[in-house]
Amino acid sequence: MYLEIVSPDATLFAGEVDSVIVPGSAGSFQMLNNHASIVSSLKEGVVKISGKIDLDDAVKDKFQMEDANTTLFKINSGTVEMRDNKLILLAD
C-alpha cells in the first residue's frame, strides 16, 4: 500500500509500505493492503511502519529505525485516512 506522511511543514514520507500501526483515539489499530476505507483521529503516540522505506536525509531525524524493516514515527496528534490502498497520515 502507499503511505504519505504530511506534517504542517512538509511531506515527510511518500512511498510503498507493508503495514502501518497508528495510535487511534479509541485505541491502536493496524492497516494492511486492501484495508477497508477509514478516517480516524489520532492521539499522541508512535506510528509503526513496516516495510523497507527510504527516507530523505532532511527528515531522517524525525524517524527512528527499530530494525531493518520497522520504522517508528512519534506524533502528538493527527488524522489518518485509508482509501483504495492509499493511506494519508496528517501528523502534528
N, C-alpha and C. Protein backbone atom coordinates (compact mmCIF):
# COMPACT_ATOMS: atom_id res chain seq x y z
N MET A 1 0.84 -1.17 0.00
CA MET A 1 0.00 0.00 0.00
C MET A 1 0.88 1.23 0.00
N TYR A 2 0.31 2.35 -0.38
CA TYR A 2 1.04 3.60 -0.50
C TYR A 2 0.78 4.44 0.75
N LEU A 3 1.85 4.93 1.38
CA LEU A 3 1.75 5.75 2.58
C LEU A 3 2.30 7.14 2.30
N GLU A 4 1.56 8.14 2.74
CA GLU A 4 2.03 9.52 2.67
C GLU A 4 1.89 10.12 4.06
N ILE A 5 3.01 10.63 4.61
CA ILE A 5 3.00 11.28 5.92
C ILE A 5 3.23 12.76 5.70
N VAL A 6 2.25 13.56 6.13
CA VAL A 6 2.29 15.00 5.91
C VAL A 6 2.27 15.71 7.27
N SER A 7 3.19 16.65 7.45
CA SER A 7 3.21 17.48 8.66
C SER A 7 2.83 18.89 8.25
N PRO A 8 2.65 19.80 9.22
CA PRO A 8 2.34 21.19 8.85
C PRO A 8 3.43 21.83 7.99
N ASP A 9 4.66 21.33 8.10
CA ASP A 9 5.79 21.91 7.39
C ASP A 9 6.01 21.34 5.99
N ALA A 10 5.81 20.03 5.83
CA ALA A 10 6.18 19.38 4.57
C ALA A 10 5.66 17.95 4.52
N THR A 11 5.78 17.34 3.36
CA THR A 11 5.55 15.91 3.23
C THR A 11 6.82 15.22 3.70
N LEU A 12 6.70 14.40 4.75
CA LEU A 12 7.87 13.76 5.35
C LEU A 12 8.23 12.44 4.68
N PHE A 13 7.22 11.74 4.17
CA PHE A 13 7.47 10.47 3.51
C PHE A 13 6.35 10.18 2.53
N ALA A 14 6.70 9.57 1.42
CA ALA A 14 5.71 9.08 0.46
C ALA A 14 6.32 7.86 -0.21
N GLY A 15 5.64 6.71 -0.11
CA GLY A 15 6.15 5.50 -0.73
C GLY A 15 5.38 4.27 -0.30
N GLU A 16 5.79 3.14 -0.83
CA GLU A 16 5.16 1.86 -0.56
C GLU A 16 5.62 1.30 0.78
N VAL A 17 4.68 0.73 1.54
CA VAL A 17 4.96 0.08 2.82
C VAL A 17 4.14 -1.20 2.92
N ASP A 18 4.46 -2.05 3.90
CA ASP A 18 3.72 -3.30 4.11
C ASP A 18 2.52 -3.12 5.03
N SER A 19 2.72 -2.38 6.13
CA SER A 19 1.63 -2.13 7.07
C SER A 19 1.97 -0.93 7.93
N VAL A 20 0.93 -0.39 8.58
CA VAL A 20 1.10 0.76 9.47
C VAL A 20 0.22 0.56 10.69
N ILE A 21 0.79 0.76 11.88
CA ILE A 21 0.03 0.72 13.13
C ILE A 21 0.00 2.15 13.66
N VAL A 22 -1.19 2.65 13.95
CA VAL A 22 -1.35 4.03 14.42
C VAL A 22 -2.02 4.07 15.79
N PRO A 23 -1.74 5.13 16.57
CA PRO A 23 -2.40 5.30 17.88
C PRO A 23 -3.75 6.01 17.71
N GLY A 24 -4.77 5.27 17.38
CA GLY A 24 -6.10 5.85 17.22
C GLY A 24 -6.64 6.38 18.53
N SER A 25 -7.54 7.34 18.45
CA SER A 25 -8.08 7.94 19.67
C SER A 25 -8.87 6.93 20.52
N ALA A 26 -9.35 5.85 19.89
CA ALA A 26 -10.07 4.80 20.63
C ALA A 26 -9.21 3.55 20.81
N GLY A 27 -7.92 3.66 20.49
CA GLY A 27 -7.00 2.53 20.61
C GLY A 27 -6.21 2.33 19.33
N SER A 28 -5.06 1.70 19.48
CA SER A 28 -4.19 1.46 18.32
C SER A 28 -4.83 0.46 17.36
N PHE A 29 -4.55 0.65 16.07
CA PHE A 29 -5.01 -0.31 15.08
C PHE A 29 -4.05 -0.35 13.91
N GLN A 30 -4.10 -1.47 13.19
CA GLN A 30 -3.19 -1.70 12.07
C GLN A 30 -3.94 -1.66 10.75
N MET A 31 -3.27 -1.13 9.74
CA MET A 31 -3.83 -1.12 8.39
C MET A 31 -2.88 -1.85 7.46
N LEU A 32 -3.43 -2.76 6.66
CA LEU A 32 -2.69 -3.55 5.69
C LEU A 32 -3.24 -3.25 4.30
N ASN A 33 -2.60 -3.80 3.30
CA ASN A 33 -3.08 -3.68 1.93
C ASN A 33 -4.53 -4.16 1.86
N ASN A 34 -5.35 -3.49 1.07
CA ASN A 34 -6.77 -3.80 0.88
C ASN A 34 -7.63 -3.58 2.13
N HIS A 35 -7.16 -2.75 3.05
CA HIS A 35 -7.94 -2.41 4.25
C HIS A 35 -9.19 -1.64 3.82
N ALA A 36 -10.26 -1.80 4.56
CA ALA A 36 -11.48 -1.05 4.29
C ALA A 36 -11.21 0.45 4.45
N SER A 37 -11.97 1.26 3.75
CA SER A 37 -11.83 2.71 3.86
C SER A 37 -12.11 3.13 5.30
N ILE A 38 -11.30 4.07 5.80
CA ILE A 38 -11.46 4.53 7.17
C ILE A 38 -10.88 5.93 7.31
N VAL A 39 -11.48 6.71 8.18
CA VAL A 39 -10.94 8.00 8.60
C VAL A 39 -10.97 7.98 10.13
N SER A 40 -9.85 8.35 10.76
CA SER A 40 -9.78 8.31 12.22
C SER A 40 -8.90 9.41 12.74
N SER A 41 -9.24 9.91 13.92
CA SER A 41 -8.36 10.85 14.60
C SER A 41 -7.31 10.05 15.36
N LEU A 42 -6.15 10.66 15.54
CA LEU A 42 -5.04 10.00 16.23
C LEU A 42 -4.68 10.78 17.48
N LYS A 43 -4.18 10.04 18.49
CA LYS A 43 -3.73 10.68 19.72
C LYS A 43 -2.21 10.59 19.78
N GLU A 44 -1.64 11.18 20.80
CA GLU A 44 -0.19 11.15 20.98
C GLU A 44 0.29 9.71 21.07
N GLY A 45 1.36 9.41 20.38
CA GLY A 45 1.91 8.07 20.40
C GLY A 45 2.89 7.86 19.28
N VAL A 46 3.07 6.59 18.94
CA VAL A 46 4.06 6.21 17.92
C VAL A 46 3.37 5.50 16.77
N VAL A 47 3.70 5.94 15.57
CA VAL A 47 3.25 5.26 14.35
C VAL A 47 4.34 4.25 13.99
N LYS A 48 3.94 3.00 13.78
CA LYS A 48 4.89 1.93 13.46
C LYS A 48 4.70 1.53 12.00
N ILE A 49 5.73 1.74 11.20
CA ILE A 49 5.68 1.48 9.77
C ILE A 49 6.49 0.23 9.48
N SER A 50 5.86 -0.76 8.86
CA SER A 50 6.56 -1.99 8.49
C SER A 50 6.84 -1.99 6.99
N GLY A 51 8.04 -2.36 6.65
CA GLY A 51 8.49 -2.38 5.27
C GLY A 51 9.74 -1.55 5.13
N LYS A 52 10.56 -1.89 4.15
CA LYS A 52 11.78 -1.11 3.92
C LYS A 52 11.41 0.21 3.30
N ILE A 53 11.77 1.30 3.98
CA ILE A 53 11.47 2.62 3.43
C ILE A 53 12.75 3.42 3.29
N ASP A 54 12.75 4.32 2.34
CA ASP A 54 13.91 5.17 2.07
C ASP A 54 13.54 6.59 2.45
N LEU A 55 14.20 7.13 3.46
CA LEU A 55 13.89 8.47 3.97
C LEU A 55 14.89 9.48 3.43
N ASP A 56 14.41 10.68 3.13
CA ASP A 56 15.30 11.78 2.74
C ASP A 56 16.15 12.16 3.94
N ASP A 57 17.38 12.56 3.69
CA ASP A 57 18.29 12.97 4.77
C ASP A 57 17.71 14.12 5.60
N ALA A 58 16.93 14.99 4.97
CA ALA A 58 16.38 16.16 5.66
C ALA A 58 15.36 15.79 6.73
N VAL A 59 14.77 14.59 6.66
CA VAL A 59 13.72 14.21 7.63
C VAL A 59 14.09 12.99 8.47
N LYS A 60 15.24 12.40 8.25
CA LYS A 60 15.64 11.18 8.98
C LYS A 60 15.61 11.36 10.49
N ASP A 61 15.89 12.57 10.98
CA ASP A 61 15.92 12.80 12.42
C ASP A 61 14.53 12.74 13.06
N LYS A 62 13.47 12.77 12.27
CA LYS A 62 12.10 12.70 12.78
C LYS A 62 11.63 11.24 12.95
N PHE A 63 12.41 10.30 12.42
CA PHE A 63 12.06 8.89 12.45
C PHE A 63 13.10 8.11 13.25
N GLN A 64 12.70 6.95 13.74
CA GLN A 64 13.62 6.07 14.47
C GLN A 64 13.51 4.68 13.86
N MET A 65 14.64 4.09 13.54
CA MET A 65 14.66 2.74 12.99
C MET A 65 14.64 1.73 14.14
N GLU A 66 13.61 0.88 14.18
CA GLU A 66 13.54 -0.18 15.19
C GLU A 66 14.38 -1.36 14.74
N ASP A 67 14.26 -1.71 13.46
CA ASP A 67 15.09 -2.72 12.82
C ASP A 67 15.07 -2.45 11.32
N ALA A 68 15.63 -3.34 10.52
CA ALA A 68 15.76 -3.10 9.07
C ALA A 68 14.42 -2.91 8.37
N ASN A 69 13.35 -3.48 8.92
CA ASN A 69 12.04 -3.40 8.27
C ASN A 69 10.98 -2.65 9.09
N THR A 70 11.37 -2.00 10.17
CA THR A 70 10.40 -1.31 11.02
C THR A 70 10.91 0.09 11.36
N THR A 71 10.08 1.08 11.08
CA THR A 71 10.41 2.48 11.35
C THR A 71 9.35 3.06 12.27
N LEU A 72 9.78 3.84 13.26
CA LEU A 72 8.88 4.47 14.21
C LEU A 72 8.84 5.98 13.97
N PHE A 73 7.66 6.56 14.17
CA PHE A 73 7.47 7.99 13.98
C PHE A 73 6.56 8.51 15.09
N LYS A 74 7.07 9.39 15.95
CA LYS A 74 6.28 9.93 17.07
C LYS A 74 5.39 11.07 16.58
N ILE A 75 4.13 11.06 17.10
CA ILE A 75 3.20 12.14 16.78
C ILE A 75 2.56 12.66 18.07
N ASN A 76 2.10 13.90 18.03
CA ASN A 76 1.35 14.48 19.14
C ASN A 76 -0.14 14.26 18.95
N SER A 77 -0.57 14.32 17.70
CA SER A 77 -1.95 14.07 17.32
C SER A 77 -1.99 14.02 15.80
N GLY A 78 -3.16 13.77 15.25
CA GLY A 78 -3.27 13.76 13.81
C GLY A 78 -4.54 13.11 13.32
N THR A 79 -4.56 12.87 12.03
CA THR A 79 -5.69 12.23 11.36
C THR A 79 -5.13 11.27 10.33
N VAL A 80 -5.83 10.16 10.15
CA VAL A 80 -5.42 9.19 9.15
C VAL A 80 -6.62 8.86 8.26
N GLU A 81 -6.35 8.71 6.97
CA GLU A 81 -7.38 8.30 6.02
C GLU A 81 -6.82 7.19 5.16
N MET A 82 -7.57 6.09 5.07
CA MET A 82 -7.18 4.96 4.23
C MET A 82 -8.28 4.76 3.20
N ARG A 83 -7.89 4.75 1.91
CA ARG A 83 -8.85 4.52 0.85
C ARG A 83 -8.11 4.03 -0.39
N ASP A 84 -8.60 2.96 -0.99
CA ASP A 84 -8.03 2.42 -2.23
C ASP A 84 -6.52 2.16 -2.12
N ASN A 85 -6.11 1.52 -1.03
CA ASN A 85 -4.71 1.17 -0.78
C ASN A 85 -3.78 2.38 -0.69
N LYS A 86 -4.33 3.53 -0.36
CA LYS A 86 -3.52 4.73 -0.12
C LYS A 86 -3.87 5.24 1.27
N LEU A 87 -2.84 5.38 2.09
CA LEU A 87 -3.00 5.85 3.46
C LEU A 87 -2.36 7.22 3.57
N ILE A 88 -3.13 8.20 3.99
CA ILE A 88 -2.60 9.55 4.21
C ILE A 88 -2.66 9.83 5.70
N LEU A 89 -1.51 10.15 6.26
CA LEU A 89 -1.40 10.44 7.69
C LEU A 89 -1.04 11.91 7.84
N LEU A 90 -1.95 12.69 8.42
CA LEU A 90 -1.69 14.10 8.71
C LEU A 90 -1.23 14.16 10.15
N ALA A 91 0.05 14.47 10.35
CA ALA A 91 0.65 14.41 11.69
C ALA A 91 0.94 15.79 12.22
N ASP A 92 0.73 15.91 13.54
CA ASP A 92 1.01 17.17 14.21
C ASP A 92 2.13 16.95 15.21
